Amino acid sequence: MIYSFPLGSLSCVVISDGQPKPPWEPPLAEFFTPESGVPSEELCAVTHGRSSLALGYNCLCVRTPDGLVLLDTGLGKRFFGYGPQIEPLVGVLTDGLATAGYGAADVAAVVFTHLHQDHSRGATWRGESVFPTASAYAHAAEVAYWSSAAATGPHLESARQAIRLFGERLHRFRHDEEILPNVRTVESAGHTPGHTAILLESRGERLLCTGDSFYDPLQLTHPDWCTPWDLDATRSARSRRRLLAWAADENLLVHAYHLPFPGLGTVKRAGAAFTWSPLAPEAPEAPEAPEAPEATASTRSNRKLAAAGRRRASRCPGGDGCRNGDMSDKRQV
């Protein structure tokens, strides 16, 4: 599934790496637990009989003046970590790229919001880089944590594999930096030490990509709810509230990685909480993907993008009064 739309001068495509359907959707009770601060009776009181999460994996591909940028990469193929029944339902990012007219070698840069396996493994599942000429970007604290002896859990292998495979092509950024043309980092740590939101901006139009700041609309109506995967729950909730308030007050277009495809919408205030308004309906079933086209990216373009990232690494974003992207030229497949 792909969903195309413009943002100023940028061409954007949401590309699904998969979205499990019933009965394979994950249970809500595994995401919002008493251990993560959500009493079972409180969860039951607001779900109105809903028992599962409509969990998507919405990667974002952006054509910038200097090359093709991919925000997060999904789980990748041959992933059995959630059980064999899930494996055929995920790992379709490269098929979606082909549907959009791109090959893996066309990707000049991969930007990771963080290094959990459902965001990084799509770039490394082969045991070698899936995007052979791409540079990669991750927060310095994210790389440091997953490289340390303190890191544990199911995401460790994929995170370290991404760090190892990209090697010298992995650029470590800080928050509040323009790392590539039209691509700026926004502090949203807590879910992981270096979890980062991404702000895309072009010709006065903005898109806020929130990564794993929230998994479900329940975390807008209950912004203090955390999950077992938030390493620092207090900081995660604080980051989520700050992003949601910003998105609501400035009417930002928002890209939510885990909400149902394509994960685009807007946020409104509702008292001390927020609500989510999807901008587009869920896509129909994807057609059979064609064979991947011949790669068209040049090494020169990729080098240009990497150099631009190094030049802009110390520049902070700025500018207010921007408006959302014009969605009139959208395309859904």
Protein backbone atom coordinates (compact mmCIF):
# COMPACT_ATOMS: atom_id res chain seq x y z
CA MET A 1 0.00 0.00 0.00
CA ILE A 2 1.24 3.46 -0.87
CA TYR A 3 -0.24 6.92 -0.44
CA SER A 4 1.30 9.88 -2.29
CA PHE A 5 0.92 13.57 -1.47
CA PRO A 6 2.83 16.84 -1.90
CA LEU A 7 4.33 18.95 0.86
CA GLY A 8 5.44 22.26 -0.60
CA SER A 9 8.05 21.32 -3.20
CA LEU A 10 8.52 17.85 -1.71
CA SER A 11 6.98 14.67 -3.10
CA CYS A 12 5.97 12.36 -0.23
CA VAL A 13 4.81 8.75 -0.25
CA VAL A 14 3.65 6.79 2.80
CA ILE A 15 4.69 3.18 2.18
CA SER A 16 3.29 0.45 4.38
CA ASP A 17 5.61 -2.29 5.55
CA GLY A 18 2.49 -4.21 6.51
CA GLN A 19 -0.54 -4.03 8.77
CA PRO A 20 -1.79 -7.17 10.52
CA LYS A 21 -5.53 -7.72 10.25
CA PRO A 22 -7.82 -9.56 12.68
CA PRO A 23 -7.28 -12.02 14.25
CA TRP A 24 -3.57 -11.14 14.19
CA GLU A 25 -3.80 -7.60 15.56
CA PRO A 26 -1.98 -7.25 18.90
CA PRO A 27 -4.12 -7.11 22.09
CA LEU A 28 -4.59 -3.70 23.69
CA ALA A 29 -3.93 -5.30 27.07
CA GLU A 30 -0.35 -6.05 25.99
CA PHE A 31 0.31 -2.40 25.17
CA PHE A 32 -1.43 -0.70 28.09
CA THR A 33 -0.67 -2.70 31.20
CA PRO A 34 -0.84 -2.17 34.96
CA GLU A 35 2.95 -2.39 34.96
CA SER A 36 3.14 0.53 32.52
CA GLY A 37 0.73 2.55 34.67
CA VAL A 38 -2.65 1.73 33.08
CA PRO A 39 -5.03 -0.13 35.45
CA SER A 40 -6.98 -2.89 33.70
CA GLU A 41 -10.33 -1.50 34.82
CA GLU A 42 -9.43 1.93 33.45
CA LEU A 43 -8.51 0.43 30.08
CA CYS A 44 -11.73 -1.61 29.92
CA ALA A 45 -13.81 1.47 30.76
CA VAL A 46 -12.73 3.35 27.64
CA THR A 47 -12.28 0.66 24.96
CA HIS A 48 -16.03 -0.01 24.48
CA GLY A 49 -15.45 -3.65 23.65
CA ARG A 50 -12.41 -3.10 21.43
CA SER A 51 -9.70 -5.57 22.38
CA SER A 52 -6.96 -5.11 19.80
CA LEU A 53 -4.72 -2.49 18.26
CA ALA A 54 -4.94 -1.61 14.53
CA LEU A 55 -1.16 -1.44 14.34
CA GLY A 56 0.41 -0.20 11.11
CA TYR A 57 4.01 0.23 10.01
CA ASN A 58 3.93 3.43 7.97
CA CYS A 59 7.30 4.32 6.48
CA LEU A 60 7.63 7.68 4.74
CA CYS A 61 9.56 8.27 1.53
CA VAL A 62 10.40 11.88 0.63
CA ARG A 63 11.85 13.16 -2.63
CA THR A 64 14.03 16.12 -1.65
CA PRO A 65 16.07 18.37 -3.96
CA ASP A 66 19.17 16.32 -3.11
CA GLY A 67 17.79 12.80 -3.23
CA LEU A 68 15.34 10.26 -1.83
CA VAL A 69 14.99 10.12 1.96
CA LEU A 70 13.33 7.22 3.80
CA LEU A 71 12.00 7.72 7.35
CA ASP A 72 12.12 4.36 9.16
CA THR A 73 12.16 1.01 7.39
CA GLY A 74 9.71 -1.38 9.04
CA LEU A 75 10.35 -4.96 10.12
CA GLY A 76 11.73 -6.35 6.88
CA LYS A 77 11.13 -9.75 5.35
CA ARG A 78 11.45 -13.12 7.10
CA PHE A 79 10.58 -11.65 10.49
CA PHE A 80 9.29 -14.31 12.91
CA GLY A 81 9.65 -12.39 16.17
CA TYR A 82 5.87 -11.92 16.53
CA GLY A 83 5.06 -15.48 15.49
CA PRO A 84 4.94 -17.29 12.13
CA GLN A 85 1.42 -16.08 11.40
CA ILE A 86 2.67 -12.46 11.28
CA GLU A 87 5.66 -13.08 8.98
CA PRO A 88 3.72 -12.98 5.66
CA LEU A 89 1.87 -9.81 6.73
CA VAL A 90 4.93 -7.58 7.11
CA GLY A 91 8.17 -6.85 5.29
CA VAL A 92 6.66 -5.34 2.13
CA LEU A 93 8.47 -1.98 2.15
CA THR A 94 10.60 -2.70 -0.92
CA ASP A 95 7.49 -3.89 -2.79
CA GLY A 96 5.86 -0.57 -1.97
CA LEU A 97 8.94 1.30 -3.12
CA ALA A 98 8.69 -0.51 -6.44
CA THR A 99 5.01 0.40 -6.75
CA ALA A 100 6.01 4.02 -6.16
CA GLY A 101 8.58 3.73 -8.94
CA TYR A 102 11.75 3.44 -6.84
CA GLY A 103 14.41 0.81 -6.32
CA ALA A 104 16.40 0.20 -3.16
CA ALA A 105 19.46 1.86 -4.69
CA ASP A 106 17.44 5.04 -5.26
CA VAL A 107 17.34 5.65 -1.50
CA ALA A 108 20.05 8.18 -0.68
CA ALA A 109 19.41 8.49 3.06
CA VAL A 110 17.61 6.56 5.80
CA VAL A 111 16.55 8.54 8.88
CA PHE A 112 15.70 6.47 11.97
CA THR A 113 13.35 7.93 14.58
CA HIS A 114 14.91 5.25 16.82
CA LEU A 115 16.47 1.82 16.43
CA HIS A 116 13.72 -0.57 17.56
CA GLN A 117 13.45 -3.55 15.23
CA ASP A 118 10.16 -2.45 13.68
CA HIS A 119 11.87 0.74 12.51
CA SER A 120 15.38 -0.45 11.63
CA ARG A 121 15.26 -4.11 10.59
CA GLY A 122 13.80 -3.29 7.17
CA ALA A 123 17.19 -1.81 6.29
CA THR A 124 19.22 -4.80 7.48
CA TRP A 125 17.18 -8.03 7.35
CA ARG A 126 19.35 -9.56 4.62
CA GLY A 127 22.39 -9.43 6.85
CA GLU A 128 23.70 -6.68 4.59
CA SER A 129 22.41 -3.22 3.82
CA VAL A 130 19.13 -3.34 1.89
CA PHE A 131 19.85 0.21 0.69
CA PRO A 132 23.43 -0.21 -0.49
CA THR A 133 24.30 3.39 -1.30
CA ALA A 134 22.32 5.13 1.44
CA SER A 135 23.67 7.08 4.36
CA ALA A 136 21.85 6.64 7.68
CA TYR A 137 20.96 9.04 10.48
CA ALA A 138 20.17 8.30 14.14
CA HIS A 139 20.42 10.28 17.35
CA ALA A 140 23.78 10.08 19.10
CA ALA A 141 22.14 8.97 22.36
CA GLU A 142 20.29 6.19 20.51
CA VAL A 143 23.48 4.83 19.00
CA ALA A 144 25.32 5.11 22.32
CA TYR A 145 22.59 3.26 24.24
CA TRP A 146 22.28 0.32 21.87
CA SER A 147 26.07 0.04 21.70
CA SER A 148 26.36 -0.14 25.49
CA ALA A 149 26.27 -3.04 27.94
CA ALA A 150 23.10 -1.55 29.47
CA ALA A 151 20.99 -2.31 26.39
CA THR A 152 18.86 -5.46 26.54
CA GLY A 153 15.68 -6.90 25.08
CA PRO A 154 14.29 -8.08 21.74
CA HIS A 155 15.36 -4.95 19.85
CA LEU A 156 19.05 -5.26 20.70
CA GLU A 157 20.10 -7.48 17.80
CA SER A 158 18.43 -5.35 15.11
CA ALA A 159 19.70 -2.08 16.59
CA ARG A 160 23.29 -3.31 16.74
CA GLN A 161 23.04 -4.77 13.26
CA ALA A 162 21.96 -1.39 11.87
CA ILE A 163 24.85 0.32 13.65
CA ARG A 164 27.31 -2.28 12.34
CA LEU A 165 26.08 -2.50 8.75
CA PHE A 166 25.89 1.23 8.14
CA GLY A 167 29.24 1.76 9.84
CA GLU A 168 30.85 4.99 8.74
CA ARG A 169 27.73 5.86 6.73
CA LEU A 170 25.78 6.25 10.01
CA HIS A 171 25.62 9.93 11.00
CA ARG A 172 24.84 10.70 14.63
CA PHE A 173 22.69 13.78 15.12
CA ARG A 174 21.46 15.87 18.04
CA HIS A 175 17.99 17.21 18.64
CA ASP A 176 16.94 20.52 17.11
CA GLU A 177 19.12 20.19 14.00
CA GLU A 178 18.52 20.36 10.29
CA ILE A 179 20.25 17.14 9.26
CA LEU A 180 19.24 17.19 5.57
CA PRO A 181 17.52 19.68 3.30
CA ASN A 182 13.93 20.16 4.56
CA VAL A 183 14.50 17.56 7.33
CA ARG A 184 14.75 18.72 10.96
CA THR A 185 14.95 16.78 14.22
CA VAL A 186 12.62 17.38 17.15
CA GLU A 187 13.30 16.17 20.69
CA SER A 188 10.90 13.39 21.74
CA ALA A 189 13.02 11.11 23.92
CA GLY A 190 11.64 8.74 26.52
CA HIS A 191 10.40 5.83 24.42
CA THR A 192 14.13 5.29 23.85
CA PRO A 193 17.03 7.53 24.89
CA GLY A 194 17.36 9.02 21.42
CA HIS A 195 13.80 8.77 20.15
CA THR A 196 13.30 11.65 17.72
CA ALA A 197 10.38 13.21 15.87
CA ILE A 198 11.06 14.61 12.42
CA LEU A 199 9.74 17.88 11.02
CA LEU A 200 9.54 18.18 7.24
CA GLU A 201 9.14 21.73 5.97
CA SER A 202 8.90 23.18 2.48
CA ARG A 203 7.45 26.46 1.19
CA GLY A 204 5.66 27.14 4.45
CA GLU A 205 4.09 23.68 4.71
CA ARG A 206 4.97 21.33 7.56
CA LEU A 207 4.60 17.66 8.43
CA LEU A 208 5.45 16.35 11.91
CA CYS A 209 6.51 12.69 11.92
CA THR A 210 6.02 11.41 15.46
CA GLY A 211 7.61 7.95 15.35
CA ASP A 212 6.48 5.94 18.38
CA SER A 213 5.23 8.90 20.40
CA PHE A 214 1.83 7.20 20.33
CA TYR A 215 0.57 3.82 19.15
CA ASP A 216 -3.17 4.34 19.37
CA PRO A 217 -5.67 7.22 19.63
CA LEU A 218 -6.08 6.18 23.27
CA GLN A 219 -2.74 7.86 23.93
CA LEU A 220 -4.22 11.14 22.74
CA THR A 221 -7.30 10.93 24.92
CA HIS A 222 -5.01 9.62 27.71
CA PRO A 223 -1.64 11.22 26.93
CA ASP A 224 -0.04 10.00 30.17
CA TRP A 225 -0.59 6.35 29.26
CA CYS A 226 2.67 4.57 28.49
CA THR A 227 3.61 1.13 27.22
CA PRO A 228 6.06 -1.55 28.41
CA TRP A 229 8.43 -0.43 25.64
CA ASP A 230 8.91 3.10 26.97
CA LEU A 231 12.33 3.00 28.63
CA ASP A 232 11.61 6.24 30.51
CA ALA A 233 7.84 6.46 30.95
CA THR A 234 7.84 9.87 32.62
CA ARG A 235 9.92 11.46 29.88
CA SER A 236 7.95 9.66 27.17
CA ALA A 237 4.64 11.09 28.46
CA ARG A 238 6.15 14.56 28.72
CA SER A 239 7.46 14.36 25.15
CA ARG A 240 4.11 13.11 23.88
CA ARG A 241 2.19 15.95 25.54
CA ARG A 242 4.58 18.52 24.12
CA LEU A 243 4.33 17.17 20.56
CA LEU A 244 0.54 16.86 20.71
CA ALA A 245 0.14 20.39 22.06
CA TRP A 246 2.39 21.77 19.32
CA ALA A 247 0.56 19.84 16.60
CA ALA A 248 -2.83 21.00 17.90
CA ASP A 249 -1.94 24.63 18.50
CA GLU A 250 -0.26 25.11 15.11
CA ASN A 251 -2.58 22.83 13.13
CA LEU A 252 0.29 20.67 11.92
CA LEU A 253 -0.21 17.77 9.58
CA VAL A 254 0.96 14.69 11.50
CA HIS A 255 2.41 11.38 10.36
CA ALA A 256 1.87 8.63 12.96
CA TYR A 257 4.00 5.56 12.27
CA HIS A 258 1.76 3.01 13.99
CA LEU A 259 -1.77 4.27 13.33
CA PRO A 260 -3.81 2.64 10.54
CA PHE A 261 -2.47 3.31 7.05
CA PRO A 262 -1.54 5.89 5.95
CA GLY A 263 -1.22 7.33 9.47
CA LEU A 264 -1.83 10.93 8.41
CA GLY A 265 -4.08 13.26 10.35
CA THR A 266 -4.45 16.23 12.62
CA VAL A 267 -4.61 16.70 16.38
CA LYS A 268 -7.16 18.78 18.29
CA ARG A 269 -7.27 19.76 21.95
CA ALA A 270 -10.03 18.26 24.10
CA GLY A 271 -9.71 19.78 27.55
CA ALA A 272 -6.50 18.47 29.08
CA ALA A 273 -6.27 15.78 26.40
CA PHE A 274 -6.39 15.53 22.60
CA THR A 275 -8.22 13.82 19.74
CA TRP A 276 -7.03 12.38 16.44
CA SER A 277 -8.70 13.14 13.10
CA PRO A 278 -7.51 10.89 10.25
CA LEU A 279 -6.87 12.88 7.10
CA ALA A 280 -7.47 10.00 4.72
CA PRO A 281 -9.41 6.74 4.89
CA GLU A 282 -7.66 3.42 5.16
CA ALA A 283 -6.42 2.17 1.83
CA PRO A 284 -7.98 -0.77 0.00
CA GLU A 285 -6.11 -4.04 -0.27
CA ALA A 286 -2.87 -3.55 -2.12
CA PRO A 287 -2.61 -4.92 -5.66
CA GLU A 288 0.04 -7.47 -6.47
CA ALA A 289 3.33 -5.58 -6.49
CA PRO A 290 5.21 -5.44 -9.81
CA GLU A 291 8.84 -6.43 -10.04
CA ALA A 292 11.20 -3.77 -8.75
CA PRO A 293 12.34 -1.34 -11.44
CA GLU A 294 15.98 -0.92 -12.32
CA ALA A 295 17.71 1.38 -9.82
CA THR A 296 18.10 4.95 -11.03
CA ALA A 297 19.97 6.65 -8.19
CA SER A 298 23.51 7.78 -8.86
CA THR A 299 26.40 7.64 -6.45
CA ARG A 300 26.90 11.33 -7.08
CA SER A 301 23.39 12.16 -5.86
CA ASN A 302 23.87 10.10 -2.72
CA ARG A 303 27.20 11.75 -1.98
CA LYS A 304 25.58 15.15 -2.46
CA LEU A 305 22.86 14.29 0.07
CA ALA A 306 25.36 12.98 2.61
CA ALA A 307 27.48 16.09 2.22
CA ALA A 308 24.41 18.30 2.66
CA GLY A 309 23.62 16.47 5.88
CA ARG A 310 27.09 17.12 7.25
CA ARG A 311 26.91 20.80 6.29
CA ARG A 312 23.54 21.27 8.00
CA ALA A 313 24.24 19.27 11.15
CA SER A 314 24.65 22.35 13.33
CA ARG A 315 21.78 24.47 11.98
CA CYS A 316 18.66 24.77 14.10
CA PRO A 317 15.17 24.90 12.64
CA GLY A 318 13.18 28.10 12.82
CA GLY A 319 10.19 29.94 11.46
CA ASP A 320 6.61 30.13 12.62
CA GLY A 321 3.21 30.65 11.08
CA CYS A 322 3.49 27.71 8.66
CA ARG A 323 0.53 25.79 7.39
CA ASN A 324 -0.23 22.20 6.51
CA GLY A 325 0.63 20.58 3.21
CA ASP A 326 -1.86 20.80 0.36
CA MET A 327 -3.33 17.30 0.05
CA SER A 328 -5.26 17.96 -3.15
CA ASP A 329 -2.70 16.08 -5.24
CA LYS A 330 -2.76 12.84 -3.27
CA ARG A 331 -2.56 9.37 -4.76
CA GLN A 332 -3.51 6.15 -3.02
CA VAL A 333 -2.67 2.70 -4.37
